């Protein structure tokens, strides 16, 4: 496991090779990658964007990715192998949540960018978009074998059957915060505060760190119990060794109505389009779109970015032709499910045992 007493990072992003990195394993996520790269261009990020891809992406999508990389100059396609657990450690808990999490351990290959000479990197999920220049996240000061990330929001507004008993607004790390500039720096006072969101994480890639991570990956007996494979792995491997950063670098699209005291469009840096993807279907004329029809405005933001990206392309280019096969392929949602969830307040943050009715398992 990482050494808690390692030296803090002393070089700045301008002094060491730095990159953004993502992973794409399915053609259906290619529009997200293309638009994410375009937003890094729009916001004038100084750093390249390494796009790791697997053979499962398929020849046509790989060709489109490489063509866009050659055109834009920002994207650096990088072939990687799927990273799958050994026999007997398949993440059955994760599959119970969603089939799409089956191959997400491959996200850990982001730590292999040291092989390309990068000494500092930030992973971004493929379903994100930047709305301000995000480069200052690289100024986060962390030890070289730690990571920085946002807390995971564990609120379950629609009472998901798969959610653990502890996943309620009184245990969410964001609930005690009351203003957009506040950061929850507590990762230890209750178990749920130790959960990070694997959609974005900042790290120092190195061969030593990668070898130790793979040692843990190959020998731990806990992989099969992870509901969110890569995210739970990172929280486990970097337990007590990750630094929380502001929600604004990984704002989930449900944030406006789950944690309204924190939400600020003006402060937003990177938005995470969780669950329903904005490229799957257009927002309806009535402004209905996204998960249960509640995210219409935020999906319209993505549509505007996509329209802007199209202006960078020739009308009949191969990438445009391929994207048309993937974007807006479903009919718009026409009904909005009312939200019955009441956002958390300070009064909801009670002692852990009181909320759950049982003792803190760490005691």
Protein backbone atom coordinates (compact mmCIF):
# COMPACT_ATOMS: atom_id res chain seq x y z
CA UNK A 1 0.00 0.00 0.00
CA UNK A 2 1.14 3.60 -0.51
CA UNK A 3 3.36 5.20 2.11
CA UNK A 4 1.46 7.81 4.12
CA UNK A 5 4.65 9.76 4.81
CA UNK A 6 5.75 10.25 1.20
CA UNK A 7 7.06 13.65 0.07
CA UNK A 8 4.54 16.16 -1.22
CA UNK A 9 4.63 16.87 -4.95
CA UNK A 10 7.05 19.72 -5.52
CA UNK A 11 7.03 20.19 -9.29
CA UNK A 12 4.32 22.26 -10.95
CA UNK A 13 2.35 21.15 -14.03
CA UNK A 14 4.44 23.56 -16.12
CA UNK A 15 7.64 21.79 -15.04
CA UNK A 16 6.63 18.18 -15.64
CA UNK A 17 4.79 16.36 -18.44
CA UNK A 18 1.07 16.56 -17.62
CA UNK A 19 -2.03 15.16 -19.31
CA UNK A 20 -5.72 14.49 -19.12
CA UNK A 21 -6.64 10.85 -19.65
CA UNK A 22 -9.87 8.96 -20.27
CA UNK A 23 -11.01 5.50 -21.31
CA UNK A 24 -13.48 4.40 -23.98
CA UNK A 25 -14.42 0.74 -24.48
CA UNK A 26 -17.77 1.05 -26.29
CA UNK A 27 -18.73 2.95 -29.48
CA UNK A 28 -21.73 4.39 -27.62
CA UNK A 29 -19.37 6.54 -25.53
CA UNK A 30 -17.41 7.98 -28.46
CA UNK A 31 -19.64 11.11 -28.71
CA UNK A 32 -18.86 11.83 -25.07
CA UNK A 33 -15.11 11.59 -25.68
CA UNK A 34 -15.27 13.79 -28.79
CA UNK A 35 -17.28 16.49 -27.03
CA UNK A 36 -15.13 16.34 -23.87
CA UNK A 37 -12.03 16.92 -26.00
CA UNK A 38 -13.79 19.81 -27.75
CA UNK A 39 -14.62 21.46 -24.42
CA UNK A 40 -10.95 21.26 -23.42
CA UNK A 41 -10.26 23.13 -26.66
CA UNK A 42 -13.03 25.64 -25.97
CA UNK A 43 -11.68 26.33 -22.48
CA UNK A 44 -8.08 26.52 -23.76
CA UNK A 45 -6.58 23.83 -21.56
CA UNK A 46 -2.81 23.66 -21.96
CA UNK A 47 -2.58 19.90 -21.66
CA UNK A 48 -3.00 16.98 -24.08
CA UNK A 49 -5.81 14.45 -23.76
CA UNK A 50 -4.78 10.79 -23.78
CA UNK A 51 -7.73 8.64 -24.90
CA UNK A 52 -7.16 5.04 -23.91
CA UNK A 53 -9.25 2.59 -25.92
CA UNK A 54 -9.68 -1.17 -26.10
CA UNK A 55 -10.31 -3.53 -29.03
CA UNK A 56 -13.93 -3.70 -27.89
CA UNK A 57 -14.38 -0.19 -29.29
CA UNK A 58 -14.45 -1.69 -32.79
CA UNK A 59 -12.56 -0.87 -35.98
CA UNK A 60 -14.92 1.85 -37.24
CA UNK A 61 -14.98 3.74 -33.95
CA UNK A 62 -11.19 3.40 -33.55
CA UNK A 63 -10.68 4.83 -37.04
CA UNK A 64 -13.00 7.74 -36.21
CA UNK A 65 -11.17 8.38 -32.93
CA UNK A 66 -7.78 8.42 -34.65
CA UNK A 67 -9.05 10.68 -37.42
CA UNK A 68 -10.40 13.20 -34.91
CA UNK A 69 -7.17 13.00 -32.93
CA UNK A 70 -5.15 13.78 -36.07
CA UNK A 71 -7.45 16.69 -36.93
CA UNK A 72 -7.64 18.31 -33.50
CA UNK A 73 -4.11 17.71 -32.28
CA UNK A 74 -5.28 17.45 -28.67
CA UNK A 75 -6.39 13.83 -28.47
CA UNK A 76 -3.74 11.12 -28.27
CA UNK A 77 -5.37 7.71 -28.89
CA UNK A 78 -3.62 4.98 -26.89
CA UNK A 79 -4.48 1.30 -27.19
CA UNK A 80 -4.79 -0.67 -23.93
CA UNK A 81 -5.97 -4.16 -22.98
CA UNK A 82 -9.09 -4.75 -20.90
CA UNK A 83 -8.25 -5.16 -17.21
CA UNK A 84 -10.37 -7.93 -15.77
CA UNK A 85 -10.30 -9.59 -12.35
CA UNK A 86 -8.98 -13.11 -11.92
CA UNK A 87 -11.34 -16.09 -11.76
CA UNK A 88 -13.47 -16.03 -8.64
CA UNK A 89 -13.13 -12.27 -8.19
CA UNK A 90 -15.54 -11.10 -10.89
CA UNK A 91 -17.39 -8.04 -9.65
CA UNK A 92 -20.82 -9.58 -9.26
CA UNK A 93 -21.92 -6.80 -6.91
CA UNK A 94 -21.16 -4.23 -9.60
CA UNK A 95 -23.07 -6.16 -12.25
CA UNK A 96 -26.05 -6.13 -9.91
CA UNK A 97 -25.99 -2.32 -10.11
CA UNK A 98 -25.46 -2.00 -13.85
CA UNK A 99 -24.04 -4.16 -16.61
CA UNK A 100 -22.03 -1.17 -17.85
CA UNK A 101 -19.68 -1.51 -14.86
CA UNK A 102 -18.43 -4.95 -15.97
CA UNK A 103 -15.23 -3.71 -17.62
CA UNK A 104 -14.61 -0.49 -15.68
CA UNK A 105 -11.59 -1.89 -13.83
CA UNK A 106 -9.85 -0.97 -17.09
CA UNK A 107 -10.02 2.66 -15.95
CA UNK A 108 -7.12 1.80 -13.65
CA UNK A 109 -4.91 1.68 -16.74
CA UNK A 110 -4.87 5.47 -16.55
CA UNK A 111 -2.05 4.96 -14.06
CA UNK A 112 0.02 3.47 -16.90
CA UNK A 113 0.48 6.81 -18.66
CA UNK A 114 3.90 6.97 -16.99
CA UNK A 115 4.96 4.72 -19.90
CA UNK A 116 4.30 7.69 -22.20
CA UNK A 117 6.45 9.96 -20.07
CA UNK A 118 3.69 11.72 -18.11
CA UNK A 119 4.50 12.57 -14.51
CA UNK A 120 1.19 14.14 -13.53
CA UNK A 121 -2.26 13.24 -14.83
CA UNK A 122 -5.96 13.67 -14.22
CA UNK A 123 -8.49 11.06 -15.24
CA UNK A 124 -11.82 12.25 -16.64
CA UNK A 125 -14.81 10.01 -17.35
CA UNK A 126 -15.85 10.03 -20.99
CA UNK A 127 -19.29 11.48 -20.15
CA UNK A 128 -17.98 14.82 -18.90
CA UNK A 129 -17.72 18.34 -20.32
CA UNK A 130 -15.63 21.33 -19.22
CA UNK A 131 -17.38 24.68 -18.79
CA UNK A 132 -14.37 26.62 -17.49
CA UNK A 133 -10.65 26.07 -17.90
CA UNK A 134 -9.97 23.15 -15.54
CA UNK A 135 -6.16 23.33 -15.55
CA UNK A 136 -5.91 24.68 -12.00
CA UNK A 137 -6.91 21.25 -10.65
CA UNK A 138 -3.30 20.25 -11.37
CA UNK A 139 -2.16 22.74 -8.73
CA UNK A 140 -3.71 20.55 -6.01
CA UNK A 141 -0.96 19.66 -3.56
CA UNK A 142 -0.87 15.95 -2.76
CA UNK A 143 1.80 13.39 -1.85
CA UNK A 144 3.08 11.58 -4.90
CA UNK A 145 1.39 8.31 -4.03
CA UNK A 146 -1.96 9.85 -3.10
CA UNK A 147 -4.83 10.87 -5.34
CA UNK A 148 -7.21 13.83 -5.24
CA UNK A 149 -10.88 13.46 -6.05
CA UNK A 150 -14.35 14.66 -5.12
CA UNK A 151 -16.50 12.89 -2.59
CA UNK A 152 -19.12 10.48 -3.86
CA UNK A 153 -22.68 11.73 -3.47
CA UNK A 154 -24.59 8.89 -1.83
CA UNK A 155 -28.04 10.48 -1.84
CA UNK A 156 -30.65 8.21 -3.46
CA UNK A 157 -33.56 10.45 -4.51
CA UNK A 158 -35.43 7.60 -6.18
CA UNK A 159 -34.87 5.01 -3.43
CA UNK A 160 -32.69 2.72 -5.55
CA UNK A 161 -33.05 -0.89 -4.45
CA UNK A 162 -29.32 -1.57 -4.90
CA UNK A 163 -28.18 1.22 -2.56
CA UNK A 164 -26.59 0.14 0.75
CA UNK A 165 -28.45 1.10 3.93
CA UNK A 166 -25.86 3.78 4.69
CA UNK A 167 -26.55 5.58 1.41
CA UNK A 168 -28.84 8.33 2.63
CA UNK A 169 -28.66 12.11 2.70
CA UNK A 170 -27.72 12.23 6.38
CA UNK A 171 -24.53 10.32 5.59
CA UNK A 172 -23.61 12.20 2.39
CA UNK A 173 -20.40 14.21 2.70
CA UNK A 174 -22.01 17.11 0.84
CA UNK A 175 -25.05 17.52 3.11
CA UNK A 176 -23.25 19.58 5.81
CA UNK A 177 -22.04 22.10 3.21
CA UNK A 178 -24.13 25.22 2.69
CA UNK A 179 -22.27 27.31 0.08
CA UNK A 180 -20.60 26.68 -3.32
CA UNK A 181 -17.09 27.54 -2.14
CA UNK A 182 -17.09 25.09 0.76
CA UNK A 183 -15.06 21.89 0.53
CA UNK A 184 -15.68 18.84 2.67
CA UNK A 185 -12.19 17.81 3.78
CA UNK A 186 -13.38 15.06 6.12
CA UNK A 187 -12.75 11.52 4.83
CA UNK A 188 -12.79 9.63 8.13
CA UNK A 189 -15.53 10.67 10.61
CA UNK A 190 -18.01 8.19 9.11
CA UNK A 191 -17.43 5.36 6.60
CA UNK A 192 -19.43 7.02 3.83
CA UNK A 193 -17.14 10.06 3.95
CA UNK A 194 -14.32 7.82 2.77
CA UNK A 195 -16.05 7.17 -0.56
CA UNK A 196 -14.68 9.09 -3.54
CA UNK A 197 -16.14 9.63 -6.99
CA UNK A 198 -14.02 7.86 -9.60
CA UNK A 199 -15.22 10.10 -12.42
CA UNK A 200 -12.23 12.39 -11.86
CA UNK A 201 -9.01 11.78 -9.99
CA UNK A 202 -5.67 13.53 -9.99
CA UNK A 203 -2.50 11.48 -9.51
CA UNK A 204 1.24 11.12 -10.10
CA UNK A 205 1.70 8.11 -12.41
CA UNK A 206 4.81 6.01 -11.82
CA UNK A 207 5.98 2.47 -12.37
CA UNK A 208 6.29 1.90 -8.62
CA UNK A 209 2.68 2.98 -7.98
CA UNK A 210 1.37 0.87 -10.87
CA UNK A 211 3.21 -2.25 -9.67
CA UNK A 212 1.82 -1.86 -6.14
CA UNK A 213 -1.70 -1.25 -7.44
CA UNK A 214 -1.59 -4.38 -9.58
CA UNK A 215 -0.23 -6.36 -6.65
CA UNK A 216 -3.29 -5.34 -4.65
CA UNK A 217 -5.57 -5.98 -7.63
CA UNK A 218 -4.21 -9.47 -8.18
CA UNK A 219 -4.19 -10.64 -4.56
CA UNK A 220 -7.03 -8.95 -2.67
CA UNK A 221 -10.16 -11.00 -2.08
CA UNK A 222 -12.40 -7.92 -2.09
CA UNK A 223 -12.81 -7.26 -5.83
CA UNK A 224 -15.99 -9.32 -6.11
CA UNK A 225 -17.63 -7.20 -3.41
CA UNK A 226 -17.18 -3.83 -5.14
CA UNK A 227 -20.48 -2.39 -6.40
CA UNK A 228 -18.69 0.28 -8.45
CA UNK A 229 -15.52 -1.61 -9.42
CA UNK A 230 -12.92 1.05 -10.25
CA UNK A 231 -14.32 3.60 -7.79
CA UNK A 232 -14.46 1.17 -4.88
CA UNK A 233 -10.98 -0.10 -5.74
CA UNK A 234 -9.56 3.43 -5.61
CA UNK A 235 -11.31 4.16 -2.30
CA UNK A 236 -9.93 0.90 -0.90
CA UNK A 237 -6.37 1.14 -2.22
CA UNK A 238 -6.03 4.83 -1.35
CA UNK A 239 -7.89 4.57 1.96
CA UNK A 240 -6.88 7.57 4.13
CA UNK A 241 -4.61 8.63 1.27
CA UNK A 242 -6.80 10.75 -0.95
CA UNK A 243 -7.45 14.47 -0.77
CA UNK A 244 -10.97 15.84 -1.33
CA UNK A 245 -11.35 18.67 -3.84
CA UNK A 246 -14.28 20.92 -4.70
CA UNK A 247 -17.46 19.47 -6.18
CA UNK A 248 -17.04 21.92 -9.07
CA UNK A 249 -14.44 19.71 -10.77
CA UNK A 250 -16.84 16.76 -10.91
CA UNK A 251 -20.34 18.15 -10.60
CA UNK A 252 -22.85 15.39 -11.22
CA UNK A 253 -25.75 16.62 -13.32
CA UNK A 254 -28.26 15.91 -10.52
CA UNK A 255 -26.40 18.31 -8.23
CA UNK A 256 -28.79 21.28 -8.75
CA UNK A 257 -31.69 19.45 -7.12
CA UNK A 258 -29.84 17.03 -4.83
CA UNK A 259 -27.55 19.64 -3.21
CA UNK A 260 -28.94 23.07 -4.18
CA UNK A 261 -26.94 25.01 -1.52
CA UNK A 262 -23.73 23.93 -3.26
CA UNK A 263 -24.81 24.28 -6.87
CA UNK A 264 -23.60 27.30 -8.83
CA UNK A 265 -23.50 27.48 -12.61
CA UNK A 266 -20.96 30.28 -12.30
CA UNK A 267 -18.60 28.12 -10.20
CA UNK A 268 -19.06 24.96 -12.30
CA UNK A 269 -15.85 23.73 -13.96
CA UNK A 270 -16.53 20.15 -15.13
CA UNK A 271 -19.98 18.59 -15.41
CA UNK A 272 -20.51 14.82 -15.20
CA UNK A 273 -23.41 13.48 -17.27
CA UNK A 274 -24.21 10.44 -15.17
CA UNK A 275 -26.91 7.87 -16.04
CA UNK A 276 -28.80 8.98 -19.22
CA UNK A 277 -26.37 10.47 -21.73
CA UNK A 278 -27.21 13.73 -23.54
CA UNK A 279 -26.18 12.32 -26.90
CA UNK A 280 -28.72 9.49 -26.71
CA UNK A 281 -31.74 11.68 -27.43
CA UNK A 282 -32.55 15.33 -27.90
CA UNK A 283 -34.28 17.33 -25.21
CA UNK A 284 -38.01 17.54 -25.98
CA UNK A 285 -39.56 20.82 -27.20
CA UNK A 286 -40.96 21.18 -23.68
CA UNK A 287 -37.47 21.07 -22.17
CA UNK A 288 -37.77 17.51 -20.85
CA UNK A 289 -34.65 15.36 -20.94
CA UNK A 290 -32.17 13.32 -18.97
CA UNK A 291 -32.81 11.00 -16.05
CA UNK A 292 -36.56 10.77 -15.48
CA UNK A 293 -36.92 13.92 -17.59
CA UNK A 294 -35.37 16.18 -14.95
CA UNK A 295 -32.15 17.29 -16.68
CA UNK A 296 -33.42 19.10 -19.76
CA UNK A 297 -31.55 22.37 -19.27
CA UNK A 298 -28.23 20.68 -18.52
CA UNK A 299 -28.62 18.36 -21.54
CA UNK A 300 -29.28 21.40 -23.72
CA UNK A 301 -25.84 22.68 -22.71
CA UNK A 302 -24.31 19.51 -24.19
CA UNK A 303 -26.35 19.90 -27.37
CA UNK A 304 -24.96 23.42 -27.82
CA UNK A 305 -21.40 22.15 -27.43
CA UNK A 306 -22.04 19.38 -29.95
CA UNK A 307 -23.42 21.93 -32.43
CA UNK A 308 -20.25 23.97 -31.95
CA UNK A 309 -18.06 20.91 -32.54
CA UNK A 310 -19.88 20.17 -35.79
CA UNK A 311 -18.78 23.56 -37.08
CA UNK A 312 -15.17 22.35 -36.88
CA UNK A 313 -15.93 19.51 -39.31
CA UNK A 314 -16.40 19.21 -43.02
CA UNK A 315 -20.01 18.38 -43.83
CA UNK A 316 -19.32 14.92 -45.24
CA UNK A 317 -16.30 13.92 -43.19
CA UNK A 318 -15.98 10.31 -42.06
CA UNK A 319 -16.16 11.31 -38.38
CA UNK A 320 -19.37 13.29 -38.99
CA UNK A 321 -20.93 10.36 -40.81
CA UNK A 322 -20.03 8.00 -37.99
CA UNK A 323 -21.21 10.34 -35.24
CA UNK A 324 -24.62 10.54 -36.90
CA UNK A 325 -24.96 6.81 -36.23
CA UNK A 326 -24.42 7.37 -32.51
CA UNK A 327 -26.03 10.70 -31.65
CA UNK A 328 -29.76 11.29 -30.99
CA UNK A 329 -30.73 7.76 -31.95
CA UNK A 330 -33.65 7.54 -29.49
CA UNK A 331 -36.91 9.45 -29.28
CA UNK A 332 -37.06 12.35 -26.81
CA UNK A 333 -38.52 11.79 -23.36
CA UNK A 334 -41.89 13.49 -23.07
CA UNK A 335 -42.73 13.01 -19.40
CA UNK A 336 -41.00 14.25 -16.27
CA UNK A 337 -41.17 12.20 -13.08
CA UNK A 338 -41.85 14.48 -10.10
CA UNK A 339 -39.02 14.62 -7.58
CA UNK A 340 -40.23 13.72 -4.11
CA UNK A 341 -36.76 13.81 -2.57
CA UNK A 342 -36.15 16.62 -0.06
CA UNK A 343 -32.50 17.77 -0.13
CA UNK A 344 -30.49 17.12 3.01
CA UNK A 345 -29.99 19.72 5.72
CA UNK A 346 -27.70 20.02 8.72
CA UNK A 347 -30.45 18.49 10.85
CA UNK A 348 -30.16 15.28 8.81
CA UNK A 349 -26.52 14.78 9.79
CA UNK A 350 -26.95 12.72 12.93
CA UNK A 351 -24.53 10.27 14.56
CA UNK A 352 -23.86 7.38 12.23
CA UNK A 353 -25.31 4.73 14.52
CA UNK A 354 -28.44 6.81 15.12
CA UNK A 355 -29.13 7.16 11.41
CA UNK A 356 -28.69 3.46 10.65
CA UNK A 357 -29.80 1.96 13.93
CA UNK A 358 -26.58 0.03 14.40
CA UNK A 359 -23.01 0.65 15.53
CA UNK A 360 -20.21 2.12 13.42
CA UNK A 361 -18.61 -1.02 11.89
CA UNK A 362 -15.11 0.41 12.31
CA UNK A 363 -15.34 0.25 16.12
